[in-house]
ModelCIF file with pLDDT and N, C-alpha, C, O atoms, coordinates in Angstrom:
data_MODEL
#
_entry.id   MODEL 
#
_entity.id                         1 
_entity.type                       polymer 
_entity.pdbx_number_of_molecules   1 
#
_entity_poly.entity_id                      1 
_entity_poly.type                           'polypeptide(L)' 
_entity_poly.nstd_linkage                   no 
_entity_poly.nstd_monomer                   no 
_entity_poly.pdbx_seq_one_letter_code       LWCLQLIFVSTPALLVAMHVAYRKRENKKIVLASNGTEKT 
_entity_poly.pdbx_seq_one_letter_code_can   LWCLQLIFVSTPALLVAMHVAYRKRENKKIVLASNGTEKT 
_entity_poly.pdbx_strand_id                 A 
#
loop_
_entity_poly_seq.entity_id 
_entity_poly_seq.num 
_entity_poly_seq.mon_id 
_entity_poly_seq.hetero 
1 1  LEU n 
1 2  TRP n 
1 3  CYS n 
1 4  LEU n 
1 5  GLN n 
1 6  LEU n 
1 7  ILE n 
1 8  PHE n 
1 9  VAL n 
1 10 SER n 
1 11 THR n 
1 12 PRO n 
1 13 ALA n 
1 14 LEU n 
1 15 LEU n 
1 16 VAL n 
1 17 ALA n 
1 18 MET n 
1 19 HIS n 
1 20 VAL n 
1 21 ALA n 
1 22 TYR n 
1 23 ARG n 
1 24 LYS n 
1 25 ARG n 
1 26 GLU n 
1 27 ASN n 
1 28 LYS n 
1 29 LYS n 
1 30 ILE n 
1 31 VAL n 
1 32 LEU n 
1 33 ALA n 
1 34 SER n 
1 35 ASN n 
1 36 GLY n 
1 37 THR n 
1 38 GLU n 
1 39 LYS n 
1 40 THR n 
#
_struct_asym.id          A 
_struct_asym.entity_id   1 
#
loop_
_ma_qa_metric.id 
_ma_qa_metric.mode 
_ma_qa_metric.name 
_ma_qa_metric.software_group_id 
_ma_qa_metric.type 
1 global pLDDT . pLDDT 
2 local  pLDDT . pLDDT 
#
_ma_qa_metric_global.metric_id      1 
_ma_qa_metric_global.metric_value   76.65 
_ma_qa_metric_global.model_id       1 
_ma_qa_metric_global.ordinal_id     1 
#
loop_
_ma_qa_metric_local.label_asym_id 
_ma_qa_metric_local.label_comp_id 
_ma_qa_metric_local.label_seq_id 
_ma_qa_metric_local.metric_id 
_ma_qa_metric_local.metric_value 
_ma_qa_metric_local.model_id 
_ma_qa_metric_local.ordinal_id 
A LEU 1  2 89.00 1 1  
A TRP 2  2 89.00 1 2  
A CYS 3  2 87.00 1 3  
A LEU 4  2 90.00 1 4  
A GLN 5  2 91.00 1 5  
A LEU 6  2 89.00 1 6  
A ILE 7  2 87.00 1 7  
A PHE 8  2 91.00 1 8  
A VAL 9  2 91.00 1 9  
A SER 10 2 85.00 1 10 
A THR 11 2 86.00 1 11 
A PRO 12 2 87.00 1 12 
A ALA 13 2 83.00 1 13 
A LEU 14 2 82.00 1 14 
A LEU 15 2 84.00 1 15 
A VAL 16 2 84.00 1 16 
A ALA 17 2 80.00 1 17 
A MET 18 2 82.00 1 18 
A HIS 19 2 79.00 1 19 
A VAL 20 2 81.00 1 20 
A ALA 21 2 77.00 1 21 
A TYR 22 2 78.00 1 22 
A ARG 23 2 76.00 1 23 
A LYS 24 2 74.00 1 24 
A ARG 25 2 75.00 1 25 
A GLU 26 2 73.00 1 26 
A ASN 27 2 69.00 1 27 
A LYS 28 2 69.00 1 28 
A LYS 29 2 71.00 1 29 
A ILE 30 2 68.00 1 30 
A VAL 31 2 67.00 1 31 
A LEU 32 2 67.00 1 32 
A ALA 33 2 69.00 1 33 
A SER 34 2 68.00 1 34 
A ASN 35 2 64.00 1 35 
A GLY 36 2 59.00 1 36 
A THR 37 2 55.00 1 37 
A GLU 38 2 55.00 1 38 
A LYS 39 2 57.00 1 39 
A THR 40 2 58.00 1 40 
#
loop_
_atom_site.group_PDB 
_atom_site.id 
_atom_site.type_symbol 
_atom_site.label_atom_id 
_atom_site.label_alt_id 
_atom_site.label_comp_id 
_atom_site.label_asym_id 
_atom_site.label_entity_id 
_atom_site.label_seq_id 
_atom_site.pdbx_PDB_ins_code 
_atom_site.Cartn_x 
_atom_site.Cartn_y 
_atom_site.Cartn_z 
_atom_site.occupancy 
_atom_site.B_iso_or_equiv 
_atom_site.pdbx_formal_charge 
_atom_site.auth_seq_id 
_atom_site.auth_comp_id 
_atom_site.auth_asym_id 
_atom_site.auth_atom_id 
_atom_site.pdbx_PDB_model_num 
ATOM 1   N N  . LEU A 1 1  ? -9.140  25.597  -12.290 1.00 89.00 ? 1  LEU A N  1 
ATOM 2   C CA . LEU A 1 1  ? -8.787  25.783  -10.884 1.00 89.00 ? 1  LEU A CA 1 
ATOM 3   C C  . LEU A 1 1  ? -9.391  24.676  -10.026 1.00 89.00 ? 1  LEU A C  1 
ATOM 4   O O  . LEU A 1 1  ? -8.732  24.176  -9.115  1.00 89.00 ? 1  LEU A O  1 
ATOM 5   N N  . TRP A 1 2  ? -10.638 24.287  -10.306 1.00 89.00 ? 2  TRP A N  1 
ATOM 6   C CA . TRP A 1 2  ? -11.262 23.204  -9.537  1.00 89.00 ? 2  TRP A CA 1 
ATOM 7   C C  . TRP A 1 2  ? -10.622 21.860  -9.851  1.00 89.00 ? 2  TRP A C  1 
ATOM 8   O O  . TRP A 1 2  ? -10.508 21.014  -8.964  1.00 89.00 ? 2  TRP A O  1 
ATOM 9   N N  . CYS A 1 3  ? -10.201 21.646  -11.094 1.00 87.00 ? 3  CYS A N  1 
ATOM 10  C CA . CYS A 1 3  ? -9.494  20.401  -11.427 1.00 87.00 ? 3  CYS A CA 1 
ATOM 11  C C  . CYS A 1 3  ? -8.169  20.309  -10.671 1.00 87.00 ? 3  CYS A C  1 
ATOM 12  O O  . CYS A 1 3  ? -7.828  19.254  -10.136 1.00 87.00 ? 3  CYS A O  1 
ATOM 13  N N  . LEU A 1 4  ? -7.430  21.406  -10.629 1.00 90.00 ? 4  LEU A N  1 
ATOM 14  C CA . LEU A 1 4  ? -6.190  21.426  -9.848  1.00 90.00 ? 4  LEU A CA 1 
ATOM 15  C C  . LEU A 1 4  ? -6.469  21.182  -8.371  1.00 90.00 ? 4  LEU A C  1 
ATOM 16  O O  . LEU A 1 4  ? -5.719  20.470  -7.701  1.00 90.00 ? 4  LEU A O  1 
ATOM 17  N N  . GLN A 1 5  ? -7.548  21.772  -7.865  1.00 91.00 ? 5  GLN A N  1 
ATOM 18  C CA . GLN A 1 5  ? -7.899  21.578  -6.465  1.00 91.00 ? 5  GLN A CA 1 
ATOM 19  C C  . GLN A 1 5  ? -8.189  20.113  -6.167  1.00 91.00 ? 5  GLN A C  1 
ATOM 20  O O  . GLN A 1 5  ? -7.722  19.584  -5.159  1.00 91.00 ? 5  GLN A O  1 
ATOM 21  N N  . LEU A 1 6  ? -8.950  19.456  -7.026  1.00 89.00 ? 6  LEU A N  1 
ATOM 22  C CA . LEU A 1 6  ? -9.278  18.049  -6.810  1.00 89.00 ? 6  LEU A CA 1 
ATOM 23  C C  . LEU A 1 6  ? -8.036  17.167  -6.884  1.00 89.00 ? 6  LEU A C  1 
ATOM 24  O O  . LEU A 1 6  ? -7.909  16.203  -6.129  1.00 89.00 ? 6  LEU A O  1 
ATOM 25  N N  . ILE A 1 7  ? -7.124  17.493  -7.789  1.00 87.00 ? 7  ILE A N  1 
ATOM 26  C CA . ILE A 1 7  ? -5.890  16.705  -7.900  1.00 87.00 ? 7  ILE A CA 1 
ATOM 27  C C  . ILE A 1 7  ? -5.040  16.874  -6.646  1.00 87.00 ? 7  ILE A C  1 
ATOM 28  O O  . ILE A 1 7  ? -4.533  15.892  -6.105  1.00 87.00 ? 7  ILE A O  1 
ATOM 29  N N  . PHE A 1 8  ? -4.880  18.109  -6.182  1.00 91.00 ? 8  PHE A N  1 
ATOM 30  C CA . PHE A 1 8  ? -4.064  18.347  -4.998  1.00 91.00 ? 8  PHE A CA 1 
ATOM 31  C C  . PHE A 1 8  ? -4.711  17.751  -3.750  1.00 91.00 ? 8  PHE A C  1 
ATOM 32  O O  . PHE A 1 8  ? -4.016  17.210  -2.890  1.00 91.00 ? 8  PHE A O  1 
ATOM 33  N N  . VAL A 1 9  ? -6.041  17.847  -3.646  1.00 91.00 ? 9  VAL A N  1 
ATOM 34  C CA . VAL A 1 9  ? -6.726  17.316  -2.463  1.00 91.00 ? 9  VAL A CA 1 
ATOM 35  C C  . VAL A 1 9  ? -6.661  15.795  -2.421  1.00 91.00 ? 9  VAL A C  1 
ATOM 36  O O  . VAL A 1 9  ? -6.598  15.207  -1.341  1.00 91.00 ? 9  VAL A O  1 
ATOM 37  N N  . SER A 1 10 ? -6.676  15.154  -3.584  1.00 85.00 ? 10 SER A N  1 
ATOM 38  C CA . SER A 1 10 ? -6.654  13.687  -3.625  1.00 85.00 ? 10 SER A CA 1 
ATOM 39  C C  . SER A 1 10 ? -5.253  13.102  -3.525  1.00 85.00 ? 10 SER A C  1 
ATOM 40  O O  . SER A 1 10 ? -5.102  11.915  -3.236  1.00 85.00 ? 10 SER A O  1 
ATOM 41  N N  . THR A 1 11 ? -4.226  13.915  -3.760  1.00 86.00 ? 11 THR A N  1 
ATOM 42  C CA . THR A 1 11 ? -2.858  13.389  -3.736  1.00 86.00 ? 11 THR A CA 1 
ATOM 43  C C  . THR A 1 11 ? -2.454  12.808  -2.376  1.00 86.00 ? 11 THR A C  1 
ATOM 44  O O  . THR A 1 11 ? -1.820  11.753  -2.360  1.00 86.00 ? 11 THR A O  1 
ATOM 45  N N  . PRO A 1 12 ? -2.784  13.435  -1.222  1.00 87.00 ? 12 PRO A N  1 
ATOM 46  C CA . PRO A 1 12 ? -2.420  12.805  0.059   1.00 87.00 ? 12 PRO A CA 1 
ATOM 47  C C  . PRO A 1 12 ? -3.007  11.419  0.252   1.00 87.00 ? 12 PRO A C  1 
ATOM 48  O O  . PRO A 1 12 ? -2.400  10.582  0.919   1.00 87.00 ? 12 PRO A O  1 
ATOM 49  N N  . ALA A 1 13 ? -4.187  11.157  -0.325  1.00 83.00 ? 13 ALA A N  1 
ATOM 50  C CA . ALA A 1 13 ? -4.758  9.807   -0.223  1.00 83.00 ? 13 ALA A CA 1 
ATOM 51  C C  . ALA A 1 13 ? -3.898  8.792   -0.964  1.00 83.00 ? 13 ALA A C  1 
ATOM 52  O O  . ALA A 1 13 ? -3.857  7.623   -0.579  1.00 83.00 ? 13 ALA A O  1 
ATOM 53  N N  . LEU A 1 14 ? -3.211  9.219   -2.023  1.00 82.00 ? 14 LEU A N  1 
ATOM 54  C CA . LEU A 1 14 ? -2.315  8.310   -2.734  1.00 82.00 ? 14 LEU A CA 1 
ATOM 55  C C  . LEU A 1 14 ? -1.106  7.938   -1.879  1.00 82.00 ? 14 LEU A C  1 
ATOM 56  O O  . LEU A 1 14 ? -0.578  6.832   -1.995  1.00 82.00 ? 14 LEU A O  1 
ATOM 57  N N  . LEU A 1 15 ? -0.667  8.862   -1.018  1.00 84.00 ? 15 LEU A N  1 
ATOM 58  C CA . LEU A 1 15 ? 0.411   8.533   -0.085  1.00 84.00 ? 15 LEU A CA 1 
ATOM 59  C C  . LEU A 1 15 ? -0.028  7.432   0.880   1.00 84.00 ? 15 LEU A C  1 
ATOM 60  O O  . LEU A 1 15 ? 0.744   6.528   1.200   1.00 84.00 ? 15 LEU A O  1 
ATOM 61  N N  . VAL A 1 16 ? -1.275  7.521   1.337   1.00 84.00 ? 16 VAL A N  1 
ATOM 62  C CA . VAL A 1 16 ? -1.815  6.464   2.202   1.00 84.00 ? 16 VAL A CA 1 
ATOM 63  C C  . VAL A 1 16 ? -1.885  5.152   1.436   1.00 84.00 ? 16 VAL A C  1 
ATOM 64  O O  . VAL A 1 16 ? -1.608  4.094   2.000   1.00 84.00 ? 16 VAL A O  1 
ATOM 65  N N  . ALA A 1 17 ? -2.255  5.205   0.152   1.00 80.00 ? 17 ALA A N  1 
ATOM 66  C CA . ALA A 1 17 ? -2.321  3.984   -0.661  1.00 80.00 ? 17 ALA A CA 1 
ATOM 67  C C  . ALA A 1 17 ? -0.945  3.334   -0.789  1.00 80.00 ? 17 ALA A C  1 
ATOM 68  O O  . ALA A 1 17 ? -0.825  2.111   -0.718  1.00 80.00 ? 17 ALA A O  1 
ATOM 69  N N  . MET A 1 18 ? 0.082   4.145   -0.977  1.00 82.00 ? 18 MET A N  1 
ATOM 70  C CA . MET A 1 18 ? 1.437   3.592   -1.057  1.00 82.00 ? 18 MET A CA 1 
ATOM 71  C C  . MET A 1 18 ? 1.865   2.987   0.272   1.00 82.00 ? 18 MET A C  1 
ATOM 72  O O  . MET A 1 18 ? 2.512   1.940   0.290   1.00 82.00 ? 18 MET A O  1 
ATOM 73  N N  . HIS A 1 19 ? 1.513   3.632   1.392   1.00 79.00 ? 19 HIS A N  1 
ATOM 74  C CA . HIS A 1 19 ? 1.849   3.080   2.702   1.00 79.00 ? 19 HIS A CA 1 
ATOM 75  C C  . HIS A 1 19 ? 1.130   1.758   2.944   1.00 79.00 ? 19 HIS A C  1 
ATOM 76  O O  . HIS A 1 19 ? 1.717   0.818   3.479   1.00 79.00 ? 19 HIS A O  1 
ATOM 77  N N  . VAL A 1 20 ? -0.147  1.684   2.549   1.00 81.00 ? 20 VAL A N  1 
ATOM 78  C CA . VAL A 1 20 ? -0.907  0.444   2.710   1.00 81.00 ? 20 VAL A CA 1 
ATOM 79  C C  . VAL A 1 20 ? -0.294  -0.673  1.867   1.00 81.00 ? 20 VAL A C  1 
ATOM 80  O O  . VAL A 1 20 ? -0.177  -1.807  2.331   1.00 81.00 ? 20 VAL A O  1 
ATOM 81  N N  . ALA A 1 21 ? 0.098   -0.356  0.627   1.00 77.00 ? 21 ALA A N  1 
ATOM 82  C CA . ALA A 1 21 ? 0.733   -1.367  -0.226  1.00 77.00 ? 21 ALA A CA 1 
ATOM 83  C C  . ALA A 1 21 ? 2.049   -1.851  0.375   1.00 77.00 ? 21 ALA A C  1 
ATOM 84  O O  . ALA A 1 21 ? 2.369   -3.038  0.299   1.00 77.00 ? 21 ALA A O  1 
ATOM 85  N N  . TYR A 1 22 ? 2.807   -0.939  0.970   1.00 78.00 ? 22 TYR A N  1 
ATOM 86  C CA . TYR A 1 22 ? 4.063   -1.332  1.623   1.00 78.00 ? 22 TYR A CA 1 
ATOM 87  C C  . TYR A 1 22 ? 3.806   -2.243  2.816   1.00 78.00 ? 22 TYR A C  1 
ATOM 88  O O  . TYR A 1 22 ? 4.500   -3.243  3.002   1.00 78.00 ? 22 TYR A O  1 
ATOM 89  N N  . ARG A 1 23 ? 2.790   -1.891  3.638   1.00 76.00 ? 23 ARG A N  1 
ATOM 90  C CA . ARG A 1 23 ? 2.459   -2.731  4.796   1.00 76.00 ? 23 ARG A CA 1 
ATOM 91  C C  . ARG A 1 23 ? 2.016   -4.124  4.361   1.00 76.00 ? 23 ARG A C  1 
ATOM 92  O O  . ARG A 1 23 ? 2.399   -5.115  4.983   1.00 76.00 ? 23 ARG A O  1 
ATOM 93  N N  . LYS A 1 24 ? 1.227   -4.210  3.319   1.00 74.00 ? 24 LYS A N  1 
ATOM 94  C CA . LYS A 1 24 ? 0.756   -5.515  2.850   1.00 74.00 ? 24 LYS A CA 1 
ATOM 95  C C  . LYS A 1 24 ? 1.901   -6.347  2.290   1.00 74.00 ? 24 LYS A C  1 
ATOM 96  O O  . LYS A 1 24 ? 1.929   -7.564  2.476   1.00 74.00 ? 24 LYS A O  1 
ATOM 97  N N  . ARG A 1 25 ? 2.837   -5.713  1.614   1.00 75.00 ? 25 ARG A N  1 
ATOM 98  C CA . ARG A 1 25 ? 3.985   -6.446  1.109   1.00 75.00 ? 25 ARG A CA 1 
ATOM 99  C C  . ARG A 1 25 ? 4.845   -6.975  2.239   1.00 75.00 ? 25 ARG A C  1 
ATOM 100 O O  . ARG A 1 25 ? 5.356   -8.092  2.158   1.00 75.00 ? 25 ARG A O  1 
ATOM 101 N N  . GLU A 1 26 ? 5.012   -6.185  3.297   1.00 73.00 ? 26 GLU A N  1 
ATOM 102 C CA . GLU A 1 26 ? 5.772   -6.649  4.448   1.00 73.00 ? 26 GLU A CA 1 
ATOM 103 C C  . GLU A 1 26 ? 5.055   -7.791  5.166   1.00 73.00 ? 26 GLU A C  1 
ATOM 104 O O  . GLU A 1 26 ? 5.694   -8.752  5.596   1.00 73.00 ? 26 GLU A O  1 
ATOM 105 N N  . ASN A 1 27 ? 3.724   -7.691  5.299   1.00 69.00 ? 27 ASN A N  1 
ATOM 106 C CA . ASN A 1 27 ? 2.971   -8.781  5.921   1.00 69.00 ? 27 ASN A CA 1 
ATOM 107 C C  . ASN A 1 27 ? 3.050   -10.060 5.095   1.00 69.00 ? 27 ASN A C  1 
ATOM 108 O O  . ASN A 1 27 ? 3.106   -11.159 5.647   1.00 69.00 ? 27 ASN A O  1 
ATOM 109 N N  . LYS A 1 28 ? 3.054   -9.914  3.774   1.00 69.00 ? 28 LYS A N  1 
ATOM 110 C CA . LYS A 1 28 ? 3.183   -11.083 2.908   1.00 69.00 ? 28 LYS A CA 1 
ATOM 111 C C  . LYS A 1 28 ? 4.542   -11.750 3.091   1.00 69.00 ? 28 LYS A C  1 
ATOM 112 O O  . LYS A 1 28 ? 4.634   -12.977 3.113   1.00 69.00 ? 28 LYS A O  1 
ATOM 113 N N  . LYS A 1 29 ? 5.594   -10.949 3.220   1.00 71.00 ? 29 LYS A N  1 
ATOM 114 C CA . LYS A 1 29 ? 6.922   -11.528 3.460   1.00 71.00 ? 29 LYS A CA 1 
ATOM 115 C C  . LYS A 1 29 ? 6.968   -12.268 4.788   1.00 71.00 ? 29 LYS A C  1 
ATOM 116 O O  . LYS A 1 29 ? 7.581   -13.331 4.889   1.00 71.00 ? 29 LYS A O  1 
ATOM 117 N N  . ILE A 1 30 ? 6.317   -11.707 5.814   1.00 68.00 ? 30 ILE A N  1 
ATOM 118 C CA . ILE A 1 30 ? 6.312   -12.358 7.128   1.00 68.00 ? 30 ILE A CA 1 
ATOM 119 C C  . ILE A 1 30 ? 5.573   -13.686 7.060   1.00 68.00 ? 30 ILE A C  1 
ATOM 120 O O  . ILE A 1 30 ? 6.033   -14.677 7.626   1.00 68.00 ? 30 ILE A O  1 
ATOM 121 N N  . VAL A 1 31 ? 4.429   -13.720 6.374   1.00 67.00 ? 31 VAL A N  1 
ATOM 122 C CA . VAL A 1 31 ? 3.660   -14.973 6.258   1.00 67.00 ? 31 VAL A CA 1 
ATOM 123 C C  . VAL A 1 31 ? 4.437   -16.019 5.488   1.00 67.00 ? 31 VAL A C  1 
ATOM 124 O O  . VAL A 1 31 ? 4.443   -17.188 5.873   1.00 67.00 ? 31 VAL A O  1 
ATOM 125 N N  . LEU A 1 32 ? 5.092   -15.626 4.409   1.00 67.00 ? 32 LEU A N  1 
ATOM 126 C CA . LEU A 1 32 ? 5.882   -16.578 3.624   1.00 67.00 ? 32 LEU A CA 1 
ATOM 127 C C  . LEU A 1 32 ? 7.083   -17.093 4.406   1.00 67.00 ? 32 LEU A C  1 
ATOM 128 O O  . LEU A 1 32 ? 7.470   -18.253 4.263   1.00 67.00 ? 32 LEU A O  1 
ATOM 129 N N  . ALA A 1 33 ? 7.676   -16.227 5.237   1.00 69.00 ? 33 ALA A N  1 
ATOM 130 C CA . ALA A 1 33 ? 8.833   -16.662 6.025   1.00 69.00 ? 33 ALA A CA 1 
ATOM 131 C C  . ALA A 1 33 ? 8.430   -17.587 7.162   1.00 69.00 ? 33 ALA A C  1 
ATOM 132 O O  . ALA A 1 33 ? 9.180   -18.502 7.499   1.00 69.00 ? 33 ALA A O  1 
ATOM 133 N N  . SER A 1 34 ? 7.263   -17.370 7.761   1.00 68.00 ? 34 SER A N  1 
ATOM 134 C CA . SER A 1 34 ? 6.841   -18.197 8.888   1.00 68.00 ? 34 SER A CA 1 
ATOM 135 C C  . SER A 1 34 ? 6.248   -19.531 8.444   1.00 68.00 ? 34 SER A C  1 
ATOM 136 O O  . SER A 1 34 ? 6.534   -20.564 9.049   1.00 68.00 ? 34 SER A O  1 
ATOM 137 N N  . ASN A 1 35 ? 5.433   -19.521 7.406   1.00 64.00 ? 35 ASN A N  1 
ATOM 138 C CA . ASN A 1 35 ? 4.775   -20.753 6.955   1.00 64.00 ? 35 ASN A CA 1 
ATOM 139 C C  . ASN A 1 35 ? 5.563   -21.498 5.893   1.00 64.00 ? 35 ASN A C  1 
ATOM 140 O O  . ASN A 1 35 ? 5.383   -22.702 5.716   1.00 64.00 ? 35 ASN A O  1 
ATOM 141 N N  . GLY A 1 36 ? 6.425   -20.802 5.195   1.00 59.00 ? 36 GLY A N  1 
ATOM 142 C CA . GLY A 1 36 ? 7.122   -21.428 4.089   1.00 59.00 ? 36 GLY A CA 1 
ATOM 143 C C  . GLY A 1 36 ? 6.385   -21.190 2.785   1.00 59.00 ? 36 GLY A C  1 
ATOM 144 O O  . GLY A 1 36 ? 5.162   -21.051 2.773   1.00 59.00 ? 36 GLY A O  1 
ATOM 145 N N  . THR A 1 37 ? 7.119   -21.144 1.697   1.00 55.00 ? 37 THR A N  1 
ATOM 146 C CA . THR A 1 37 ? 6.508   -20.860 0.404   1.00 55.00 ? 37 THR A CA 1 
ATOM 147 C C  . THR A 1 37 ? 5.590   -21.980 -0.044  1.00 55.00 ? 37 THR A C  1 
ATOM 148 O O  . THR A 1 37 ? 4.549   -21.716 -0.646  1.00 55.00 ? 37 THR A O  1 
ATOM 149 N N  . GLU A 1 38 ? 5.950   -23.227 0.236   1.00 55.00 ? 38 GLU A N  1 
ATOM 150 C CA . GLU A 1 38 ? 5.143   -24.352 -0.223  1.00 55.00 ? 38 GLU A CA 1 
ATOM 151 C C  . GLU A 1 38 ? 3.864   -24.508 0.587   1.00 55.00 ? 38 GLU A C  1 
ATOM 152 O O  . GLU A 1 38 ? 2.835   -24.899 0.035   1.00 55.00 ? 38 GLU A O  1 
ATOM 153 N N  . LYS A 1 39 ? 3.904   -24.207 1.904   1.00 57.00 ? 39 LYS A N  1 
ATOM 154 C CA . LYS A 1 39 ? 2.725   -24.371 2.754   1.00 57.00 ? 39 LYS A CA 1 
ATOM 155 C C  . LYS A 1 39 ? 1.728   -23.218 2.602   1.00 57.00 ? 39 LYS A C  1 
ATOM 156 O O  . LYS A 1 39 ? 0.547   -23.382 2.907   1.00 57.00 ? 39 LYS A O  1 
ATOM 157 N N  . THR A 1 40 ? 2.181   -22.086 2.145   1.00 58.00 ? 40 THR A N  1 
ATOM 158 C CA . THR A 1 40 ? 1.293   -20.943 1.989   1.00 58.00 ? 40 THR A CA 1 
ATOM 159 C C  . THR A 1 40 ? 0.437   -21.115 0.736   1.00 58.00 ? 40 THR A C  1 
ATOM 160 O O  . THR A 1 40 ? -0.383  -20.251 0.426   1.00 58.00 ? 40 THR A O  1 
#
């Protein structure tokens, strides 16, 4: 029961991790588009 509790309690943090990864990927695309692939 405690193992299930820890898994369920930690799962929302994984949603934040996915959102952070998405934001970083979008920021990387913006930097590559503004500076160019060769200059970055």
